[in-house]
Amino acid sequence: MLFVNSSSPAGSDWTSSSYSQSNAGECVEWAPQHAAATGEVLVRDSKTPQAPYLTLTPASFAGLVSLAKGSQSA
């Protein structure tokens, strides 16, 4: 399941994904503390933190990570 949200939740600490490429400008951030507290995985583009972010289920987030791992080996 996927939701697009326009306002950042209060108290969310965002962390760069280990699969982000810091020198290529393709950086995805997520909020692990929010995920642990609520079960919702928040994902955003670090280049535009004020832009809307995605709210994913843990299963959807796992699929995103799997996709990122696959594109890294290509």
N, C-alpha and C. Protein backbone atom coordinates (compact mmCIF):
# COMPACT_ATOMS: atom_id res chain seq x y z
N MET A 1 0.84 -1.17 0.00
CA MET A 1 0.00 0.00 0.00
C MET A 1 0.89 1.24 0.00
N LEU A 2 0.44 2.29 -0.65
CA LEU A 2 1.22 3.50 -0.83
C LEU A 2 0.32 4.71 -0.63
N PHE A 3 0.83 5.67 0.13
CA PHE A 3 0.15 6.95 0.30
C PHE A 3 1.14 8.05 0.02
N VAL A 4 0.70 9.15 -0.57
CA VAL A 4 1.54 10.32 -0.78
C VAL A 4 1.07 11.39 0.19
N ASN A 5 2.01 11.92 0.98
CA ASN A 5 1.68 12.92 2.00
C ASN A 5 2.42 14.20 1.72
N SER A 6 1.82 15.33 2.07
CA SER A 6 2.44 16.60 1.75
C SER A 6 3.08 17.31 2.93
N SER A 7 2.78 16.93 4.14
CA SER A 7 3.42 17.59 5.27
C SER A 7 4.21 16.58 6.08
N SER A 8 5.43 16.96 6.44
CA SER A 8 6.31 16.05 7.16
C SER A 8 5.79 15.83 8.58
N PRO A 9 5.76 14.59 9.04
CA PRO A 9 5.29 14.33 10.40
C PRO A 9 6.24 14.91 11.43
N ALA A 10 5.70 15.41 12.49
CA ALA A 10 6.52 16.01 13.54
C ALA A 10 7.44 14.98 14.16
N GLY A 11 8.66 15.40 14.42
CA GLY A 11 9.61 14.54 15.12
C GLY A 11 10.23 13.43 14.30
N SER A 12 10.06 13.45 12.99
CA SER A 12 10.66 12.40 12.16
C SER A 12 12.12 12.72 11.88
N ASP A 13 12.98 11.77 12.19
CA ASP A 13 14.39 11.89 11.85
C ASP A 13 14.62 11.10 10.58
N TRP A 14 15.12 11.76 9.56
CA TRP A 14 15.32 11.14 8.26
C TRP A 14 16.75 10.64 8.14
N THR A 15 16.95 9.48 7.54
CA THR A 15 18.25 8.85 7.36
C THR A 15 18.43 8.51 5.89
N SER A 16 19.61 8.79 5.36
CA SER A 16 19.89 8.44 3.96
C SER A 16 19.96 6.93 3.81
N SER A 17 19.39 6.45 2.76
CA SER A 17 19.43 5.02 2.47
C SER A 17 20.86 4.61 2.14
N SER A 18 21.23 3.43 2.55
CA SER A 18 22.57 2.92 2.24
C SER A 18 22.71 2.61 0.76
N TYR A 19 21.60 2.57 0.03
CA TYR A 19 21.64 2.32 -1.40
C TYR A 19 21.65 3.61 -2.22
N SER A 20 21.59 4.76 -1.54
CA SER A 20 21.63 6.03 -2.26
C SER A 20 23.05 6.28 -2.75
N GLN A 21 23.13 6.92 -3.88
CA GLN A 21 24.44 7.24 -4.45
C GLN A 21 24.71 8.71 -4.18
N SER A 22 25.55 8.99 -3.19
CA SER A 22 25.75 10.35 -2.72
C SER A 22 26.30 11.30 -3.78
N ASN A 23 27.10 10.81 -4.69
CA ASN A 23 27.69 11.71 -5.68
C ASN A 23 26.84 11.84 -6.94
N ALA A 24 25.84 11.04 -7.10
CA ALA A 24 25.01 11.09 -8.31
C ALA A 24 23.72 11.86 -8.12
N GLY A 25 23.47 12.36 -6.92
CA GLY A 25 22.27 13.11 -6.66
C GLY A 25 21.01 12.27 -6.55
N GLU A 26 21.16 10.97 -6.42
CA GLU A 26 20.01 10.07 -6.31
C GLU A 26 19.90 9.58 -4.87
N CYS A 27 19.46 10.44 -3.99
CA CYS A 27 19.44 10.09 -2.58
C CYS A 27 18.01 9.93 -2.07
N VAL A 28 17.75 8.78 -1.51
CA VAL A 28 16.46 8.48 -0.90
C VAL A 28 16.67 8.45 0.61
N GLU A 29 15.74 9.07 1.33
CA GLU A 29 15.80 9.04 2.78
C GLU A 29 14.56 8.34 3.32
N TRP A 30 14.72 7.78 4.51
CA TRP A 30 13.59 7.16 5.18
C TRP A 30 13.65 7.52 6.65
N ALA A 31 12.55 7.29 7.37
CA ALA A 31 12.44 7.66 8.79
C ALA A 31 12.32 6.40 9.64
N PRO A 32 13.47 5.79 10.02
CA PRO A 32 13.43 4.51 10.75
C PRO A 32 12.76 4.59 12.11
N GLN A 33 12.91 5.71 12.84
CA GLN A 33 12.27 5.81 14.15
C GLN A 33 10.75 5.85 14.01
N HIS A 34 10.28 6.54 12.99
CA HIS A 34 8.83 6.58 12.74
C HIS A 34 8.34 5.17 12.39
N ALA A 35 9.10 4.45 11.57
CA ALA A 35 8.73 3.09 11.18
C ALA A 35 8.63 2.18 12.40
N ALA A 36 9.61 2.29 13.29
CA ALA A 36 9.60 1.44 14.49
C ALA A 36 8.42 1.77 15.40
N ALA A 37 8.04 3.04 15.46
CA ALA A 37 6.96 3.45 16.35
C ALA A 37 5.57 3.19 15.79
N THR A 38 5.43 3.26 14.44
CA THR A 38 4.09 3.21 13.86
C THR A 38 3.85 2.06 12.89
N GLY A 39 4.93 1.47 12.36
CA GLY A 39 4.78 0.45 11.33
C GLY A 39 4.63 1.04 9.94
N GLU A 40 4.65 2.37 9.82
CA GLU A 40 4.61 3.05 8.53
C GLU A 40 6.03 3.44 8.14
N VAL A 41 6.43 3.14 6.92
CA VAL A 41 7.77 3.48 6.46
C VAL A 41 7.66 4.71 5.57
N LEU A 42 8.22 5.83 6.03
CA LEU A 42 8.20 7.08 5.28
C LEU A 42 9.44 7.17 4.40
N VAL A 43 9.26 7.57 3.15
CA VAL A 43 10.35 7.66 2.17
C VAL A 43 10.23 8.99 1.44
N ARG A 44 11.38 9.68 1.26
CA ARG A 44 11.36 10.95 0.53
C ARG A 44 12.65 11.13 -0.27
N ASP A 45 12.62 12.10 -1.15
CA ASP A 45 13.77 12.50 -1.94
C ASP A 45 14.55 13.53 -1.14
N SER A 46 15.82 13.28 -0.86
CA SER A 46 16.61 14.19 -0.03
C SER A 46 16.86 15.53 -0.70
N LYS A 47 16.78 15.57 -2.03
CA LYS A 47 17.03 16.83 -2.73
C LYS A 47 15.89 17.82 -2.53
N THR A 48 14.72 17.32 -2.20
CA THR A 48 13.55 18.19 -1.98
C THR A 48 12.80 17.74 -0.73
N PRO A 49 13.39 17.95 0.45
CA PRO A 49 12.77 17.46 1.69
C PRO A 49 11.42 18.10 1.99
N GLN A 50 11.14 19.26 1.42
CA GLN A 50 9.86 19.92 1.66
C GLN A 50 8.76 19.35 0.75
N ALA A 51 9.14 18.56 -0.23
CA ALA A 51 8.18 17.97 -1.16
C ALA A 51 7.42 16.83 -0.48
N PRO A 52 6.34 16.38 -1.08
CA PRO A 52 5.61 15.23 -0.52
C PRO A 52 6.49 14.00 -0.35
N TYR A 53 6.13 13.16 0.59
CA TYR A 53 6.85 11.92 0.84
C TYR A 53 5.87 10.76 0.70
N LEU A 54 6.41 9.56 0.62
CA LEU A 54 5.59 8.36 0.51
C LEU A 54 5.47 7.68 1.86
N THR A 55 4.33 7.10 2.11
CA THR A 55 4.13 6.24 3.28
C THR A 55 3.90 4.83 2.75
N LEU A 56 4.80 3.92 3.11
CA LEU A 56 4.76 2.55 2.62
C LEU A 56 4.50 1.58 3.76
N THR A 57 3.95 0.45 3.42
CA THR A 57 3.88 -0.65 4.38
C THR A 57 5.28 -1.27 4.44
N PRO A 58 5.59 -2.01 5.48
CA PRO A 58 6.88 -2.69 5.53
C PRO A 58 7.12 -3.59 4.31
N ALA A 59 6.09 -4.28 3.84
CA ALA A 59 6.24 -5.15 2.67
C ALA A 59 6.56 -4.34 1.42
N SER A 60 5.91 -3.19 1.25
CA SER A 60 6.19 -2.33 0.10
C SER A 60 7.60 -1.77 0.17
N PHE A 61 8.03 -1.40 1.36
CA PHE A 61 9.39 -0.89 1.54
C PHE A 61 10.42 -1.98 1.21
N ALA A 62 10.14 -3.20 1.64
CA ALA A 62 11.04 -4.32 1.32
C ALA A 62 11.15 -4.50 -0.19
N GLY A 63 10.03 -4.33 -0.91
CA GLY A 63 10.05 -4.41 -2.36
C GLY A 63 10.89 -3.31 -2.98
N LEU A 64 10.80 -2.10 -2.43
CA LEU A 64 11.61 -0.98 -2.91
C LEU A 64 13.10 -1.26 -2.70
N VAL A 65 13.44 -1.78 -1.54
CA VAL A 65 14.84 -2.11 -1.25
C VAL A 65 15.32 -3.21 -2.19
N SER A 66 14.50 -4.21 -2.44
CA SER A 66 14.86 -5.28 -3.36
C SER A 66 15.11 -4.73 -4.76
N LEU A 67 14.26 -3.82 -5.20
CA LEU A 67 14.43 -3.17 -6.49
C LEU A 67 15.75 -2.40 -6.54
N ALA A 68 16.05 -1.66 -5.48
CA ALA A 68 17.30 -0.89 -5.42
C ALA A 68 18.52 -1.82 -5.47
N LYS A 69 18.45 -2.93 -4.75
CA LYS A 69 19.56 -3.89 -4.78
C LYS A 69 19.77 -4.45 -6.18
N GLY A 70 18.68 -4.74 -6.87
CA GLY A 70 18.77 -5.27 -8.23
C GLY A 70 19.37 -4.29 -9.20
N SER A 71 19.03 -3.00 -9.07
CA SER A 71 19.56 -1.99 -9.99
C SER A 71 21.02 -1.69 -9.70
N GLN A 72 21.48 -1.96 -8.48
CA GLN A 72 22.89 -1.75 -8.12
C GLN A 72 23.79 -2.74 -8.85
N SER A 73 23.28 -3.94 -9.12
CA SER A 73 24.12 -4.96 -9.75
C SER A 73 24.09 -4.88 -11.26
N ALA A 74 23.22 -4.06 -11.81
CA ALA A 74 23.11 -3.95 -13.27
C ALA A 74 24.20 -3.07 -13.86
